[in-house]
Amino acid sequence: MQKNLMQLYKRALNEREIWLSRWKSAMRYTIPSDDSDLSTLFDATASDAVDNLSASMYSLLTPPESLWINLVRESDLSPNAEIATNVLRAHLNDSNFYTTIHQCYTDLIVLGTACLFMAENPIGADSAFSFTAIPMKDIAILPNAIFHTTSMPLSDVVEKYPKITLPNQLKDNLKTNPEMPVKIVQSLIGQDFVAWLDIGGDIENNIIARGTFETNPYIIFRWSVVSGELYGRGPVLRALPDIKTANKVVELVLKNATIAVSGIWQADDDGVINLSNINLTPGAIIPKAVGSSGLTPLSSGADFDVSQIVLRDLRDRIRHTLLADRLGLLSDKEMTATEILARNSDMVRILGATYGRLLHEFIRPLCERGLQILSRRGLIEKISLHSDAELKYIAPIAQMAKEEMSI
């Protein structure tokens, strides 16, 4: 069993390997995380479009403090779906869901795949739920298998898993270096959970936790999927060639601007002008030999007027791919009913496939796990979306889709 687990883990890492470079490139041009990325980022068109799209997704799919889900009873014998709906909404509102899901939407747009971890809070907390947006670089997936790699200080590992039996190589470190980071792998295959220390050697000797989950706490959802691929592709990955080109064009424009400001100069080596001491500042007097040309500007053949045309086309394509020109905020002027219907129709057409996938991969698993946690705590009757009740998604985008179908 443990041998198969290690084989699955290595296979999952191999499947993810090709995506790591794609994700790194996409993040570099949209959500740079260090100074080296910032120093090579010259155009913020994509970053601005990502912010606008994530805000639109937030308001269309999961508006805070709003009725965006509802459970409907299928028969008189079903548990009280209305009570379950209200309790589920209340615990979502009291949790950190709305601050965390926006991070996931950003990952979804930039990387094409996002992971929301839905944990259960201790009894007595304001909400039964606690959410964490897991970076995709820490997640590796296979069909029906998820591997989550994390790191924590050795002392925290012992505190979190008090029954752990540390390997001999770590016992001394706990005394001498308790803050030493330790890599942990958490696997969920079907409903079986296993966590182990990734310190080499046999997994069996390094296991720190086992268990089962009735519902999957790792909610992984994708923007769109190409046949045969496990990870999704988002708008940024599709627009990445244009994003890179626009960034390079702006870099060249800025380099040309420095030439236009400071110029390129030439001077005869006549023994009078010391090129090392020349300071090109207003009012400066530069000596020259009698009869010599002295310091003269060298005209540049560069003409970047065409760059503005190219750059405008690139930025328009980036905004179009990232839906900035199609999912923008409502205009300040009043819109007629016909204009509102036309705008809603465009949104449904643009986000239709993504909406259907998110409903299946994100909203439904979220509600199923929430209902399972609440029923186990005795806060609601046990209710199943498969037999007891039907999930009605009533977020703004769902209402738009309903209106579109009724036309």
Protein backbone atom coordinates (compact mmCIF):
# COMPACT_ATOMS: atom_id res chain seq x y z
CA MET A 1 0.00 0.00 0.00
CA GLN A 2 2.73 2.48 0.98
CA LYS A 3 4.76 1.57 -2.10
CA ASN A 4 1.75 2.33 -4.29
CA LEU A 5 1.24 5.62 -2.41
CA MET A 6 4.79 6.74 -3.17
CA GLN A 7 4.39 5.73 -6.81
CA LEU A 8 1.19 7.76 -7.07
CA TYR A 9 2.89 10.74 -5.41
CA LYS A 10 5.82 10.67 -7.83
CA ARG A 11 3.47 10.29 -10.76
CA ALA A 12 1.44 13.29 -9.60
CA LEU A 13 4.61 15.39 -9.31
CA ASN A 14 5.66 14.37 -12.82
CA GLU A 15 2.23 15.32 -14.18
CA ARG A 16 2.50 18.75 -12.55
CA GLU A 17 6.08 19.47 -13.61
CA ILE A 18 5.25 20.96 -17.02
CA TRP A 19 2.66 23.26 -15.46
CA LEU A 20 5.02 24.80 -12.92
CA SER A 21 6.95 26.77 -15.57
CA ARG A 22 3.69 27.91 -17.19
CA TRP A 23 2.32 29.08 -13.86
CA LYS A 24 5.55 30.87 -12.99
CA SER A 25 5.51 32.72 -16.31
CA ALA A 26 1.83 33.65 -15.95
CA MET A 27 2.37 34.96 -12.41
CA ARG A 28 5.46 36.91 -13.39
CA TYR A 29 3.47 39.11 -15.79
CA THR A 30 0.28 39.46 -13.72
CA ILE A 31 0.93 39.00 -9.99
CA PRO A 32 4.73 39.30 -9.55
CA SER A 33 5.89 38.16 -6.14
CA ASP A 34 9.51 39.34 -5.87
CA ASP A 35 11.75 42.23 -6.89
CA SER A 36 13.33 40.33 -9.77
CA ASP A 37 9.91 39.99 -11.41
CA LEU A 38 9.01 43.62 -10.74
CA SER A 39 12.25 44.85 -12.29
CA THR A 40 11.34 43.17 -15.60
CA LEU A 41 7.65 44.11 -15.62
CA PHE A 42 6.98 47.17 -17.78
CA ASP A 43 3.30 46.86 -18.72
CA ALA A 44 0.48 46.45 -16.19
CA THR A 45 -2.38 45.91 -18.65
CA ALA A 46 -2.73 42.23 -17.75
CA SER A 47 -2.51 42.87 -13.99
CA ASP A 48 -5.28 45.45 -14.19
CA ALA A 49 -7.46 43.14 -16.31
CA VAL A 50 -6.95 40.26 -13.85
CA ASP A 51 -8.11 42.48 -10.97
CA ASN A 52 -11.21 43.54 -12.90
CA LEU A 53 -12.08 39.97 -13.91
CA SER A 54 -11.61 38.56 -10.39
CA ALA A 55 -13.86 41.32 -9.01
CA SER A 56 -16.50 40.50 -11.64
CA MET A 57 -16.30 36.78 -10.81
CA TYR A 58 -16.66 37.62 -7.13
CA SER A 59 -19.82 39.67 -7.65
CA LEU A 60 -21.37 37.36 -10.25
CA LEU A 61 -20.69 33.99 -8.60
CA THR A 62 -20.50 34.47 -4.82
CA PRO A 63 -21.64 37.97 -3.84
CA PRO A 64 -21.06 38.51 -0.11
CA GLU A 65 -24.04 38.78 2.23
CA SER A 66 -26.33 37.70 -0.61
CA LEU A 67 -28.66 34.81 -1.42
CA TRP A 68 -26.61 32.85 -3.94
CA ILE A 69 -27.55 29.29 -2.90
CA ASN A 70 -30.79 27.67 -1.93
CA LEU A 71 -31.89 24.12 -1.07
CA VAL A 72 -35.30 22.98 -2.28
CA ARG A 73 -37.21 20.05 -0.76
CA GLU A 74 -38.08 17.30 -3.20
CA SER A 75 -40.82 15.72 -1.07
CA ASP A 76 -42.64 16.12 2.22
CA LEU A 77 -40.46 13.35 3.63
CA SER A 78 -37.29 15.34 3.07
CA PRO A 79 -35.48 17.11 5.94
CA ASN A 80 -36.18 20.80 6.38
CA ALA A 81 -34.19 22.24 3.48
CA GLU A 82 -35.06 25.84 4.31
CA ILE A 83 -33.50 25.59 7.77
CA ALA A 84 -30.43 23.90 6.29
CA THR A 85 -30.10 26.69 3.74
CA ASN A 86 -30.26 29.43 6.38
CA VAL A 87 -27.77 27.69 8.69
CA LEU A 88 -25.34 27.05 5.84
CA ARG A 89 -25.52 30.68 4.71
CA ALA A 90 -25.04 31.95 8.27
CA HIS A 91 -21.90 29.88 8.84
CA LEU A 92 -20.47 30.91 5.45
CA ASN A 93 -21.12 34.57 6.27
CA ASP A 94 -19.44 34.25 9.69
CA SER A 95 -16.40 32.44 8.26
CA ASN A 96 -13.47 33.77 6.24
CA PHE A 97 -15.01 32.43 3.02
CA TYR A 98 -15.53 35.79 1.30
CA THR A 99 -12.01 37.02 1.98
CA THR A 100 -10.46 33.73 0.86
CA ILE A 101 -12.48 32.96 -2.26
CA HIS A 102 -11.23 36.13 -3.98
CA GLN A 103 -7.69 34.71 -3.77
CA CYS A 104 -8.95 31.53 -5.42
CA TYR A 105 -10.60 33.50 -8.22
CA THR A 106 -7.27 35.19 -8.91
CA ASP A 107 -5.55 31.78 -9.10
CA LEU A 108 -8.35 30.53 -11.34
CA ILE A 109 -7.89 33.39 -13.80
CA VAL A 110 -4.08 33.41 -13.81
CA LEU A 111 -3.31 29.69 -13.50
CA GLY A 112 -6.54 28.13 -14.74
CA THR A 113 -6.87 25.99 -11.56
CA ALA A 114 -7.57 26.93 -7.94
CA CYS A 115 -7.73 25.01 -4.66
CA LEU A 116 -9.92 25.97 -1.69
CA PHE A 117 -9.34 23.98 1.50
CA MET A 118 -12.47 23.78 3.66
CA ALA A 119 -11.59 22.80 7.23
CA GLU A 120 -13.77 22.43 10.31
CA ASN A 121 -13.34 24.91 13.14
CA PRO A 122 -13.28 23.82 16.80
CA ILE A 123 -16.57 23.83 18.69
CA GLY A 124 -17.30 27.32 20.01
CA ALA A 125 -15.87 29.26 17.05
CA ASP A 126 -18.06 31.83 15.31
CA SER A 127 -18.34 29.57 12.28
CA ALA A 128 -18.07 25.84 11.77
CA PHE A 129 -15.96 26.46 8.67
CA SER A 130 -12.44 27.71 8.04
CA PHE A 131 -11.12 28.29 4.53
CA THR A 132 -7.61 28.45 3.10
CA ALA A 133 -6.55 29.21 -0.46
CA ILE A 134 -3.83 26.63 -1.21
CA PRO A 135 -1.15 27.76 -3.71
CA MET A 136 -1.25 25.48 -6.74
CA LYS A 137 2.51 24.96 -6.57
CA ASP A 138 1.81 22.98 -3.37
CA ILE A 139 -0.90 20.80 -4.95
CA ALA A 140 -0.42 17.78 -7.23
CA ILE A 141 -3.43 15.89 -8.52
CA LEU A 142 -4.34 12.65 -10.22
CA PRO A 143 -7.79 11.26 -10.99
CA ASN A 144 -9.35 10.64 -7.54
CA ALA A 145 -6.09 11.58 -5.75
CA ILE A 146 -4.77 14.83 -4.24
CA PHE A 147 -1.32 15.49 -2.75
CA HIS A 148 -0.71 18.62 -0.70
CA THR A 149 2.88 19.53 0.18
CA THR A 150 3.49 21.94 3.02
CA SER A 151 6.25 22.89 5.44
CA MET A 152 6.22 23.83 9.12
CA PRO A 153 8.72 24.11 12.01
CA LEU A 154 9.51 20.84 13.72
CA SER A 155 8.10 22.12 17.03
CA ASP A 156 4.77 22.91 15.33
CA VAL A 157 4.65 19.40 13.88
CA VAL A 158 4.96 17.91 17.36
CA GLU A 159 2.33 20.31 18.71
CA LYS A 160 -0.13 19.59 15.89
CA TYR A 161 0.42 15.82 16.01
CA PRO A 162 1.06 15.07 19.74
CA LYS A 163 0.97 11.29 19.21
CA ILE A 164 3.70 11.39 16.58
CA THR A 165 6.75 9.17 16.94
CA LEU A 166 9.62 11.16 15.50
CA PRO A 167 12.28 9.35 13.46
CA ASN A 168 15.64 9.13 15.21
CA GLN A 169 17.17 11.70 12.89
CA LEU A 170 14.67 14.34 14.07
CA LYS A 171 14.64 13.66 17.81
CA ASP A 172 17.94 15.45 18.40
CA ASN A 173 16.87 18.34 16.14
CA LEU A 174 13.79 18.89 18.30
CA LYS A 175 16.13 19.84 21.16
CA THR A 176 18.83 21.66 19.25
CA ASN A 177 16.85 23.24 16.39
CA PRO A 178 13.07 23.18 17.06
CA GLU A 179 12.44 25.79 14.32
CA MET A 180 13.92 23.57 11.61
CA PRO A 181 11.41 23.44 8.71
CA VAL A 182 10.03 19.99 7.97
CA LYS A 183 8.31 19.04 4.74
CA ILE A 184 4.95 17.27 5.11
CA VAL A 185 2.91 15.56 2.39
CA GLN A 186 -0.83 15.12 2.90
CA SER A 187 -2.55 12.70 0.54
CA LEU A 188 -6.23 12.08 -0.04
CA ILE A 189 -7.02 9.12 -2.25
CA GLY A 190 -10.73 8.62 -2.45
CA GLN A 191 -11.75 9.10 1.18
CA ASP A 192 -8.52 7.80 2.72
CA PHE A 193 -6.18 10.41 4.22
CA VAL A 194 -2.50 9.84 4.98
CA ALA A 195 0.07 12.45 6.08
CA TRP A 196 3.79 11.73 6.27
CA LEU A 197 7.11 13.49 6.78
CA ASP A 198 8.93 13.82 3.47
CA ILE A 199 12.43 13.27 4.84
CA GLY A 200 13.43 10.30 2.70
CA GLY A 201 13.16 6.64 3.42
CA ASP A 202 10.07 4.47 3.66
CA ILE A 203 6.72 6.26 4.01
CA GLU A 204 5.55 3.71 6.57
CA ASN A 205 8.19 4.86 9.06
CA ASN A 206 7.34 8.55 8.58
CA ILE A 207 3.53 8.54 8.75
CA ILE A 208 2.17 11.10 11.22
CA ALA A 209 -1.60 10.85 10.62
CA ARG A 210 -4.23 8.63 9.06
CA GLY A 211 -7.97 8.97 8.68
CA THR A 212 -10.96 9.17 6.38
CA PHE A 213 -13.06 12.06 5.13
CA GLU A 214 -16.74 11.72 4.41
CA THR A 215 -16.47 14.68 2.03
CA ASN A 216 -13.40 16.06 0.28
CA PRO A 217 -11.96 19.15 2.07
CA TYR A 218 -9.88 20.00 -1.03
CA ILE A 219 -12.19 21.79 -3.45
CA ILE A 220 -10.28 22.04 -6.75
CA PHE A 221 -11.96 23.85 -9.61
CA ARG A 222 -10.84 24.86 -13.11
CA TRP A 223 -11.65 27.54 -15.67
CA SER A 224 -11.56 25.27 -18.73
CA VAL A 225 -9.96 21.93 -19.49
CA VAL A 226 -8.34 20.53 -22.61
CA SER A 227 -9.13 16.89 -23.27
CA GLY A 228 -6.57 14.63 -21.59
CA GLU A 229 -5.28 17.28 -19.15
CA LEU A 230 -5.85 17.34 -15.39
CA TYR A 231 -5.11 21.02 -14.78
CA GLY A 232 -7.17 23.85 -16.19
CA ARG A 233 -6.31 26.68 -18.53
CA GLY A 234 -7.36 30.20 -17.67
CA PRO A 235 -7.59 33.46 -19.62
CA VAL A 236 -4.05 34.54 -18.68
CA LEU A 237 -2.48 31.38 -20.11
CA ARG A 238 -4.33 32.00 -23.37
CA ALA A 239 -3.27 35.65 -23.48
CA LEU A 240 0.32 34.99 -22.35
CA PRO A 241 1.97 35.45 -25.80
CA ASP A 242 0.35 38.88 -26.19
CA ILE A 243 1.17 39.78 -22.58
CA LYS A 244 4.86 38.95 -23.09
CA THR A 245 5.00 40.84 -26.39
CA ALA A 246 3.33 43.94 -24.94
CA ASN A 247 5.75 43.91 -22.04
CA LYS A 248 8.72 43.75 -24.43
CA VAL A 249 7.34 46.55 -26.62
CA VAL A 250 6.94 48.85 -23.60
CA GLU A 251 10.47 47.98 -22.48
CA LEU A 252 11.85 48.98 -25.91
CA VAL A 253 9.76 52.17 -25.92
CA LEU A 254 11.21 53.15 -22.53
CA LYS A 255 14.74 52.45 -23.74
CA ASN A 256 14.10 54.64 -26.76
CA ALA A 257 12.71 57.34 -24.46
CA THR A 258 15.98 57.44 -22.52
CA ILE A 259 17.80 58.00 -25.81
CA ALA A 260 15.39 60.81 -26.69
CA VAL A 261 15.98 62.47 -23.30
CA SER A 262 19.75 62.07 -22.95
CA GLY A 263 20.74 61.56 -26.60
CA ILE A 264 23.70 59.78 -28.14
CA TRP A 265 26.81 61.89 -28.60
CA GLN A 266 30.11 61.72 -30.47
CA ALA A 267 33.34 63.68 -30.05
CA ASP A 268 36.76 63.88 -31.74
CA ASP A 269 39.54 62.48 -29.62
CA ASP A 270 41.51 65.77 -29.85
CA GLY A 271 43.27 65.61 -26.50
CA VAL A 272 41.16 68.43 -25.07
CA ILE A 273 37.84 66.76 -24.30
CA ASN A 274 38.04 64.28 -21.47
CA LEU A 275 35.05 62.01 -22.07
CA SER A 276 35.27 60.69 -18.52
CA ASN A 277 34.59 64.15 -17.07
CA ILE A 278 31.73 65.23 -19.34
CA ASN A 279 28.49 65.93 -17.48
CA LEU A 280 25.48 66.52 -19.74
CA THR A 281 23.48 68.92 -17.54
CA PRO A 282 21.69 72.21 -18.34
CA GLY A 283 24.15 75.11 -18.42
CA ALA A 284 27.22 72.89 -18.61
CA ILE A 285 30.23 74.25 -20.60
CA ILE A 286 32.23 71.62 -22.42
CA PRO A 287 35.66 72.74 -23.74
CA LYS A 288 36.78 71.89 -27.29
CA ALA A 289 39.83 72.48 -29.39
CA VAL A 290 39.79 75.40 -31.78
CA GLY A 291 38.55 74.26 -35.16
CA SER A 292 37.26 70.92 -33.92
CA SER A 293 33.60 69.88 -33.97
CA GLY A 294 33.62 69.19 -30.24
CA LEU A 295 30.76 67.19 -28.80
CA THR A 296 27.94 66.71 -31.33
CA PRO A 297 24.72 64.71 -31.08
CA LEU A 298 24.41 61.50 -33.05
CA SER A 299 20.99 61.18 -34.62
CA SER A 300 19.15 57.95 -33.88
CA GLY A 301 17.46 56.08 -36.66
CA ALA A 302 14.94 54.59 -34.27
CA ASP A 303 11.34 55.65 -34.86
CA PHE A 304 8.91 54.04 -32.46
CA ASP A 305 5.72 55.69 -33.71
CA VAL A 306 4.67 52.30 -35.07
CA SER A 307 5.13 50.82 -31.61
CA GLN A 308 2.08 52.69 -30.33
CA ILE A 309 -0.07 51.05 -33.00
CA VAL A 310 1.32 47.61 -32.16
CA LEU A 311 0.99 48.23 -28.43
CA ARG A 312 -2.62 49.39 -28.74
CA ASP A 313 -3.57 46.24 -30.66
CA LEU A 314 -1.80 44.03 -28.10
CA ARG A 315 -3.48 45.71 -25.15
CA ASP A 316 -6.89 45.45 -26.80
CA ARG A 317 -6.38 41.72 -27.37
CA ILE A 318 -5.22 41.23 -23.76
CA ARG A 319 -8.27 43.03 -22.39
CA HIS A 320 -10.52 41.09 -24.74
CA THR A 321 -9.08 37.71 -23.70
CA LEU A 322 -9.30 38.66 -20.02
CA LEU A 323 -12.89 39.88 -20.60
CA ALA A 324 -12.11 43.40 -19.39
CA ASP A 325 -13.99 44.92 -22.34
CA ARG A 326 -16.95 42.56 -21.94
CA LEU A 327 -17.46 42.16 -18.19
CA GLY A 328 -16.80 45.72 -17.15
CA LEU A 329 -18.88 47.53 -14.59
CA LEU A 330 -22.21 48.98 -15.58
CA SER A 331 -21.95 52.37 -17.24
CA ASP A 332 -22.80 55.50 -15.28
CA LYS A 333 -25.69 56.34 -17.58
CA GLU A 334 -29.06 54.70 -17.13
CA MET A 335 -29.50 51.56 -19.20
CA THR A 336 -32.73 50.54 -20.83
CA ALA A 337 -34.24 47.13 -20.15
CA THR A 338 -33.17 46.04 -23.63
CA GLU A 339 -29.58 47.11 -22.97
CA ILE A 340 -29.52 45.24 -19.65
CA LEU A 341 -30.88 42.08 -21.29
CA ALA A 342 -28.32 42.36 -24.08
CA ARG A 343 -25.49 42.80 -21.57
CA ASN A 344 -26.69 39.86 -19.48
CA SER A 345 -26.95 37.74 -22.61
CA ASP A 346 -23.32 38.53 -23.46
CA MET A 347 -22.18 37.59 -19.94
CA VAL A 348 -24.02 34.27 -20.04
CA ARG A 349 -22.61 33.46 -23.46
CA ILE A 350 -19.06 34.37 -22.43
CA LEU A 351 -19.08 32.66 -19.04
CA GLY A 352 -21.58 29.89 -19.81
CA ALA A 353 -19.11 26.99 -20.01
CA THR A 354 -17.05 28.28 -17.07
CA TYR A 355 -20.22 28.81 -15.01
CA GLY A 356 -21.32 25.22 -15.61
CA ARG A 357 -17.94 23.83 -14.64
CA LEU A 358 -17.70 25.95 -11.47
CA LEU A 359 -21.19 24.89 -10.45
CA HIS A 360 -20.11 21.24 -10.70
CA GLU A 361 -16.54 21.52 -9.35
CA PHE A 362 -16.85 24.35 -6.83
CA ILE A 363 -20.37 25.29 -5.64
CA ARG A 364 -21.81 21.79 -5.26
CA PRO A 365 -18.78 20.28 -3.40
CA LEU A 366 -18.70 23.36 -1.17
CA CYS A 367 -22.35 22.92 -0.18
CA GLU A 368 -22.03 19.15 0.24
CA ARG A 369 -19.12 19.48 2.64
CA GLY A 370 -20.78 22.33 4.52
CA LEU A 371 -23.97 20.32 5.00
CA GLN A 372 -22.00 17.26 6.11
CA ILE A 373 -20.10 19.25 8.78
CA LEU A 374 -23.26 20.96 10.04
CA SER A 375 -25.27 17.73 10.22
CA ARG A 376 -22.47 15.90 12.06
CA ARG A 377 -22.47 18.69 14.63
CA GLY A 378 -26.22 18.34 15.05
CA LEU A 379 -26.96 21.86 13.80
CA ILE A 380 -29.19 20.58 10.99
CA GLU A 381 -30.80 17.30 10.05
CA LYS A 382 -28.73 15.04 7.83
CA ILE A 383 -29.46 16.12 4.28
CA SER A 384 -28.13 14.90 0.96
CA LEU A 385 -28.10 16.77 -2.32
CA HIS A 386 -28.39 13.43 -4.09
CA SER A 387 -31.68 12.30 -2.55
CA ASP A 388 -33.13 14.71 0.02
CA ALA A 389 -32.91 18.11 -1.63
CA GLU A 390 -31.90 19.91 -4.80
CA LEU A 391 -29.32 22.67 -4.93
CA LYS A 392 -30.64 25.83 -6.54
CA TYR A 393 -27.87 28.21 -7.53
CA ILE A 394 -29.37 31.71 -7.44
CA ALA A 395 -26.28 33.90 -7.80
CA PRO A 396 -26.49 36.84 -10.25
CA ILE A 397 -24.99 34.84 -13.11
CA ALA A 398 -27.54 32.06 -12.55
CA GLN A 399 -30.35 34.62 -12.70
CA MET A 400 -28.92 35.98 -15.94
CA ALA A 401 -28.81 32.48 -17.43
CA LYS A 402 -32.43 31.90 -16.37
CA GLU A 403 -33.56 35.15 -17.98
CA GLU A 404 -31.64 34.28 -21.14
CA MET A 405 -33.39 30.90 -21.42
CA SER A 406 -36.83 32.48 -20.91
CA ILE A 407 -36.39 34.90 -23.82
